Every structure is written in C-alpha cells, then in structure tokens.
Amino acid sequence: MSDDSWDEVIKGIKPLKNDRFVEDIKPKEIELKKDKVITVAFDVLKRGKVVKKDDFTQMDGSLAKRFKREEFRVEATLDLHGVIEKIAYDKVCDFIKMSYNNGLRCVLIITGKGIDDTLFSQKGVLRKSVPLWLSGDEIGSLILAYKNPSEALGGKGALYILLRKKI
C-alpha cells in the first residue's frame, strides 16, 4: 500500500479525545436550599430500617458490576465533618433531593470515620446513622444503591451512592 492510498484511507478519521478518563475532575459542590420541609420526624427516621449493605437486588447485573467497580464518576459531594446529627440529617435529605432534581446519578457523602469504634462508643455517630437515613421514607425512594467506596474515595468514612434516574 502506498503512502497516497493510506492518506486517502485516513482522510476522514478524527483522533479520539485524550482526556476520556480524567482523574483531576473535582466534583461540584451543590448549594443546599433551606426551603425544603421534612415530613418525617427526626426521631422516627433515626430509628429507620436497617438495610443490608451492598444490596444490589434492584439493579441488573451489568449496572451492579459497574457500580461495584466504582465506574460512575462522582458528580457531587457532601462533607459532614464537624456537623451535629440533627443538622446532618437535614443536609443529607436536602443534598439527595437536590442531586436527584438536578439529574445527577452518582454522589458521595463523607461522614468521617470517627475516632473510637467500640460497641457503645458515641464516636462515628454519622457513620452509623447516615446509612439508616438513606433507607428511610424521606429519601429512600430516590436511591438505587449505596456502599462504602474504596479507600481512594474515603473508605469506611464515606458512602458512594447511585441515585435513580429522574423520571
């Protein structure tokens, strides 16, 4: 094959973008609005249902596999470091609702790991409470699945959440 014929073959081909898997993209912070009214009392939701961690029964196999491998890019984060439990509940509910309304698919909530992890410790309260809230009546219907991410995204001190598609 001569050089002229090769040039003719590749004439209409465009090169692929090199930034397809960019690791440097920082998730945008969503501004929470305070006009949301929470319909479920805090004490009722705090007792919430215990959901199995890493429950992927509502997804098909390929979606579950992509979620387990963390192939969804985190589109927004909520950092709860230094926030008390009652305020954190409001922030989590507002964050999930706003993310869903904005059409986001994958979000990350950083709860922190807590310092003491003994059985009756008061440390790591959000790490224990937020998964219960995610399965509650207020926002549970918006969430398809959640799990602790890899250490690169926060490990046991964070929750990697896949939201349902907005209808």
C-alpha atoms as a PDB file:
ATOM      1  CA  MET A   1       0.000   0.000   0.000  1.00  0.00           C
ATOM      2  CA  SER A   2       1.469   3.352  -0.969  1.00  0.00           C
ATOM      3  CA  ASP A   3       1.552   6.484   1.164  1.00  0.00           C
ATOM      4  CA  ASP A   4      -1.020   8.199  -1.077  1.00  0.00           C
ATOM      5  CA  SER A   5      -3.579   5.443  -0.633  1.00  0.00           C
ATOM      6  CA  TRP A   6      -3.017   5.416   3.160  1.00  0.00           C
ATOM      7  CA  ASP A   7      -3.590   9.183   3.302  1.00  0.00           C
ATOM      8  CA  GLU A   8      -6.831   8.662   1.384  1.00  0.00           C
ATOM      9  CA  VAL A   9      -7.973   5.963   3.860  1.00  0.00           C
ATOM     10  CA  ILE A  10      -7.385   8.090   6.984  1.00  0.00           C
ATOM     11  CA  LYS A  11      -8.611  11.365   5.462  1.00  0.00           C
ATOM     12  CA  GLY A  12     -11.995  11.438   7.281  1.00  0.00           C
ATOM     13  CA  ILE A  13     -10.841   9.997  10.606  1.00  0.00           C
ATOM     14  CA  LYS A  14     -10.812  12.268  13.658  1.00  0.00           C
ATOM     15  CA  PRO A  15      -8.497  11.499  16.604  1.00  0.00           C
ATOM     16  CA  LEU A  16     -10.024  10.398  19.927  1.00  0.00           C
ATOM     17  CA  LYS A  17     -10.003  12.811  22.846  1.00  0.00           C
ATOM     18  CA  ASN A  18      -7.166  12.057  25.251  1.00  0.00           C
ATOM     19  CA  ASP A  19      -8.997  13.277  28.394  1.00  0.00           C
ATOM     20  CA  ARG A  20     -11.590  10.487  28.381  1.00  0.00           C
ATOM     21  CA  PHE A  21     -10.712   9.225  31.885  1.00  0.00           C
ATOM     22  CA  VAL A  22      -9.607  12.393  33.642  1.00  0.00           C
ATOM     23  CA  GLU A  23      -8.803  11.809  37.307  1.00  0.00           C
ATOM     24  CA  ASP A  24      -8.369  15.519  38.053  1.00  0.00           C
ATOM     25  CA  ILE A  25     -12.049  16.475  37.750  1.00  0.00           C
ATOM     26  CA  LYS A  26     -13.295  17.730  41.084  1.00  0.00           C
ATOM     27  CA  PRO A  27     -16.985  17.187  41.872  1.00  0.00           C
ATOM     28  CA  LYS A  28     -19.002  20.353  42.118  1.00  0.00           C
ATOM     29  CA  GLU A  29     -20.444  21.370  45.464  1.00  0.00           C
ATOM     30  CA  ILE A  30     -24.220  21.758  45.426  1.00  0.00           C
ATOM     31  CA  GLU A  31     -25.678  24.717  47.258  1.00  0.00           C
ATOM     32  CA  LEU A  32     -28.338  23.494  49.640  1.00  0.00           C
ATOM     33  CA  LYS A  33     -31.582  25.463  49.824  1.00  0.00           C
ATOM     34  CA  LYS A  34     -33.360  25.825  53.149  1.00  0.00           C
ATOM     35  CA  ASP A  35     -36.924  25.891  51.783  1.00  0.00           C
ATOM     36  CA  LYS A  36     -37.362  22.101  51.982  1.00  0.00           C
ATOM     37  CA  VAL A  37     -39.842  20.876  54.595  1.00  0.00           C
ATOM     38  CA  ILE A  38     -39.050  17.492  56.080  1.00  0.00           C
ATOM     39  CA  THR A  39     -42.220  15.487  56.597  1.00  0.00           C
ATOM     40  CA  VAL A  40     -40.801  12.706  58.781  1.00  0.00           C
ATOM     41  CA  ALA A  41     -39.817  13.457  62.375  1.00  0.00           C
ATOM     42  CA  PHE A  42     -36.119  13.132  63.106  1.00  0.00           C
ATOM     43  CA  ASP A  43     -36.577  10.618  65.942  1.00  0.00           C
ATOM     44  CA  VAL A  44     -38.716   8.344  63.756  1.00  0.00           C
ATOM     45  CA  LEU A  45     -36.208   8.318  60.926  1.00  0.00           C
ATOM     46  CA  LYS A  46     -33.241   7.890  63.252  1.00  0.00           C
ATOM     47  CA  ARG A  47     -34.708   4.517  64.237  1.00  0.00           C
ATOM     48  CA  GLY A  48     -35.058   3.721  60.485  1.00  0.00           C
ATOM     49  CA  LYS A  49     -34.963   0.332  58.813  1.00  0.00           C
ATOM     50  CA  VAL A  50     -31.656  -1.477  58.644  1.00  0.00           C
ATOM     51  CA  VAL A  51     -30.777  -2.133  55.011  1.00  0.00           C
ATOM     52  CA  LYS A  52     -28.202  -4.700  54.010  1.00  0.00           C
ATOM     53  CA  LYS A  53     -25.007  -3.023  52.979  1.00  0.00           C
ATOM     54  CA  ASP A  54     -24.129  -3.573  49.330  1.00  0.00           C
ATOM     55  CA  ASP A  55     -27.646  -4.662  48.373  1.00  0.00           C
ATOM     56  CA  PHE A  56     -27.772  -4.564  44.562  1.00  0.00           C
ATOM     57  CA  THR A  57     -31.007  -6.515  44.029  1.00  0.00           C
ATOM     58  CA  GLN A  58     -32.783  -3.572  42.362  1.00  0.00           C
ATOM     59  CA  MET A  59     -30.186  -3.381  39.572  1.00  0.00           C
ATOM     60  CA  ASP A  60     -29.435  -5.573  36.616  1.00  0.00           C
ATOM     61  CA  GLY A  61     -26.109  -7.417  36.579  1.00  0.00           C
ATOM     62  CA  SER A  62     -24.122  -5.061  34.370  1.00  0.00           C
ATOM     63  CA  LEU A  63     -25.225  -1.949  36.270  1.00  0.00           C
ATOM     64  CA  ALA A  64     -24.399  -3.607  39.597  1.00  0.00           C
ATOM     65  CA  LYS A  65     -20.976  -4.624  38.290  1.00  0.00           C
ATOM     66  CA  ARG A  66     -20.236  -1.055  37.136  1.00  0.00           C
ATOM     67  CA  PHE A  67     -21.378   0.297  40.497  1.00  0.00           C
ATOM     68  CA  LYS A  68     -19.258  -2.175  42.476  1.00  0.00           C
ATOM     69  CA  ARG A  69     -16.202  -1.211  40.396  1.00  0.00           C
ATOM     70  CA  GLU A  70     -16.974   2.493  41.034  1.00  0.00           C
ATOM     71  CA  GLU A  71     -17.108   3.284  37.323  1.00  0.00           C
ATOM     72  CA  PHE A  72     -19.644   6.056  37.874  1.00  0.00           C
ATOM     73  CA  ARG A  73     -17.988   9.452  38.215  1.00  0.00           C
ATOM     74  CA  VAL A  74     -18.870  11.260  41.454  1.00  0.00           C
ATOM     75  CA  GLU A  75     -20.826  14.333  40.379  1.00  0.00           C
ATOM     76  CA  ALA A  76     -21.315  15.991  43.783  1.00  0.00           C
ATOM     77  CA  THR A  77     -20.076  15.566  47.345  1.00  0.00           C
ATOM     78  CA  LEU A  78     -21.390  16.420  50.785  1.00  0.00           C
ATOM     79  CA  ASP A  79     -18.838  16.620  53.598  1.00  0.00           C
ATOM     80  CA  LEU A  80     -20.352  16.179  57.075  1.00  0.00           C
ATOM     81  CA  HIS A  81     -17.170  16.601  59.116  1.00  0.00           C
ATOM     82  CA  GLY A  82     -17.937  18.625  62.244  1.00  0.00           C
ATOM     83  CA  VAL A  83     -21.726  18.631  61.745  1.00  0.00           C
ATOM     84  CA  ILE A  84     -24.066  17.548  64.551  1.00  0.00           C
ATOM     85  CA  GLU A  85     -26.544  14.749  63.915  1.00  0.00           C
ATOM     86  CA  LYS A  86     -29.799  16.730  63.604  1.00  0.00           C
ATOM     87  CA  ILE A  87     -28.284  19.251  61.194  1.00  0.00           C
ATOM     88  CA  ALA A  88     -26.579  16.444  59.279  1.00  0.00           C
ATOM     89  CA  TYR A  89     -29.944  14.756  58.731  1.00  0.00           C
ATOM     90  CA  ASP A  90     -31.346  17.930  57.137  1.00  0.00           C
ATOM     91  CA  LYS A  91     -28.243  18.336  54.991  1.00  0.00           C
ATOM     92  CA  VAL A  92     -28.305  14.713  53.793  1.00  0.00           C
ATOM     93  CA  CYS A  93     -32.001  14.884  52.849  1.00  0.00           C
ATOM     94  CA  ASP A  94     -31.608  18.221  51.077  1.00  0.00           C
ATOM     95  CA  PHE A  95     -28.446  17.047  49.301  1.00  0.00           C
ATOM     96  CA  ILE A  96     -30.067  13.843  47.991  1.00  0.00           C
ATOM     97  CA  LYS A  97     -33.212  15.707  46.866  1.00  0.00           C
ATOM     98  CA  MET A  98     -31.228  18.466  45.153  1.00  0.00           C
ATOM     99  CA  SER A  99     -28.933  15.946  43.448  1.00  0.00           C
ATOM    100  CA  TYR A 100     -31.907  13.954  42.193  1.00  0.00           C
ATOM    101  CA  ASN A 101     -33.714  17.091  40.978  1.00  0.00           C
ATOM    102  CA  ASN A 102     -30.570  18.232  39.144  1.00  0.00           C
ATOM    103  CA  GLY A 103     -30.387  14.891  37.324  1.00  0.00           C
ATOM    104  CA  LEU A 104     -27.180  13.728  38.991  1.00  0.00           C
ATOM    105  CA  ARG A 105     -26.588   9.995  39.070  1.00  0.00           C
ATOM    106  CA  CYS A 106     -23.687   9.344  41.456  1.00  0.00           C
ATOM    107  CA  VAL A 107     -22.911  11.293  44.631  1.00  0.00           C
ATOM    108  CA  LEU A 108     -20.602  10.881  47.611  1.00  0.00           C
ATOM    109  CA  ILE A 109     -21.401  11.652  51.244  1.00  0.00           C
ATOM    110  CA  ILE A 110     -18.380  11.948  53.515  1.00  0.00           C
ATOM    111  CA  THR A 111     -19.341  11.100  57.091  1.00  0.00           C
ATOM    112  CA  GLY A 112     -15.876  10.684  58.561  1.00  0.00           C
ATOM    113  CA  LYS A 113     -14.648   7.539  60.246  1.00  0.00           C
ATOM    114  CA  GLY A 114     -14.922   8.596  63.869  1.00  0.00           C
ATOM    115  CA  ILE A 115     -12.112   8.081  66.333  1.00  0.00           C
ATOM    116  CA  ASP A 116     -13.286   5.284  68.646  1.00  0.00           C
ATOM    117  CA  ASP A 117     -15.035   2.247  67.136  1.00  0.00           C
ATOM    118  CA  THR A 118     -16.009   0.299  70.266  1.00  0.00           C
ATOM    119  CA  LEU A 119     -19.514  -1.128  70.565  1.00  0.00           C
ATOM    120  CA  PHE A 120     -21.126   1.595  72.697  1.00  0.00           C
ATOM    121  CA  SER A 121     -18.974   4.487  71.541  1.00  0.00           C
ATOM    122  CA  GLN A 122     -20.505   7.852  70.716  1.00  0.00           C
ATOM    123  CA  LYS A 123     -17.781   8.446  68.118  1.00  0.00           C
ATOM    124  CA  GLY A 124     -18.601   7.889  64.464  1.00  0.00           C
ATOM    125  CA  VAL A 125     -22.286   8.650  65.031  1.00  0.00           C
ATOM    126  CA  LEU A 126     -22.853   9.901  61.473  1.00  0.00           C
ATOM    127  CA  ARG A 127     -21.054   6.903  60.028  1.00  0.00           C
ATOM    128  CA  LYS A 128     -23.668   4.698  61.704  1.00  0.00           C
ATOM    129  CA  SER A 129     -26.714   6.954  61.207  1.00  0.00           C
ATOM    130  CA  VAL A 130     -26.462   8.088  57.577  1.00  0.00           C
ATOM    131  CA  PRO A 131     -26.985   4.579  56.107  1.00  0.00           C
ATOM    132  CA  LEU A 132     -30.198   4.319  58.157  1.00  0.00           C
ATOM    133  CA  TRP A 133     -31.397   7.664  56.808  1.00  0.00           C
ATOM    134  CA  LEU A 134     -30.660   6.611  53.228  1.00  0.00           C
ATOM    135  CA  SER A 135     -33.082   3.704  53.611  1.00  0.00           C
ATOM    136  CA  GLY A 136     -35.779   5.804  55.279  1.00  0.00           C
ATOM    137  CA  ASP A 137     -39.065   7.085  53.850  1.00  0.00           C
ATOM    138  CA  GLU A 138     -37.867  10.637  53.206  1.00  0.00           C
ATOM    139  CA  ILE A 139     -35.179   9.906  50.584  1.00  0.00           C
ATOM    140  CA  GLY A 140     -35.027   6.114  50.266  1.00  0.00           C
ATOM    141  CA  SER A 141     -37.135   6.082  47.110  1.00  0.00           C
ATOM    142  CA  LEU A 142     -34.589   8.275  45.292  1.00  0.00           C
ATOM    143  CA  ILE A 143     -31.652   5.940  45.953  1.00  0.00           C
ATOM    144  CA  LEU A 144     -30.923   2.866  43.866  1.00  0.00           C
ATOM    145  CA  ALA A 145     -27.920   1.586  45.857  1.00  0.00           C
ATOM    146  CA  TYR A 146     -25.130   2.685  48.154  1.00  0.00           C
ATOM    147  CA  LYS A 147     -21.923   1.253  49.535  1.00  0.00           C
ATOM    148  CA  ASN A 148     -18.672   2.215  51.174  1.00  0.00           C
ATOM    149  CA  PRO A 149     -16.255   3.193  48.411  1.00  0.00           C
ATOM    150  CA  SER A 150     -12.610   2.269  48.015  1.00  0.00           C
ATOM    151  CA  GLU A 151     -10.037   3.952  50.241  1.00  0.00           C
ATOM    152  CA  ALA A 152      -9.280   6.444  47.452  1.00  0.00           C
ATOM    153  CA  LEU A 153     -12.791   7.904  47.835  1.00  0.00           C
ATOM    154  CA  GLY A 154     -12.975   7.714  51.627  1.00  0.00           C
ATOM    155  CA  GLY A 155     -13.377   4.052  52.521  1.00  0.00           C
ATOM    156  CA  LYS A 156     -15.499   3.414  55.611  1.00  0.00           C
ATOM    157  CA  GLY A 157     -15.807   7.161  56.227  1.00  0.00           C
ATOM    158  CA  ALA A 158     -17.867   7.794  53.083  1.00  0.00           C
ATOM    159  CA  LEU A 159     -20.848   6.486  51.146  1.00  0.00           C
ATOM    160  CA  TYR A 160     -20.855   6.052  47.363  1.00  0.00           C
ATOM    161  CA  ILE A 161     -24.475   6.497  46.281  1.00  0.00           C
ATOM    162  CA  LEU A 162     -26.189   5.741  42.976  1.00  0.00           C
ATOM    163  CA  LEU A 163     -29.416   7.697  42.530  1.00  0.00           C
ATOM    164  CA  ARG A 164     -32.330   6.557  40.446  1.00  0.00           C
ATOM    165  CA  LYS A 165     -32.799   8.143  37.037  1.00  0.00           C
ATOM    166  CA  LYS A 166     -35.082  11.141  37.158  1.00  0.00           C
ATOM    167  CA  ILE A 167     -38.422  10.364  35.564  1.00  0.00           C
END
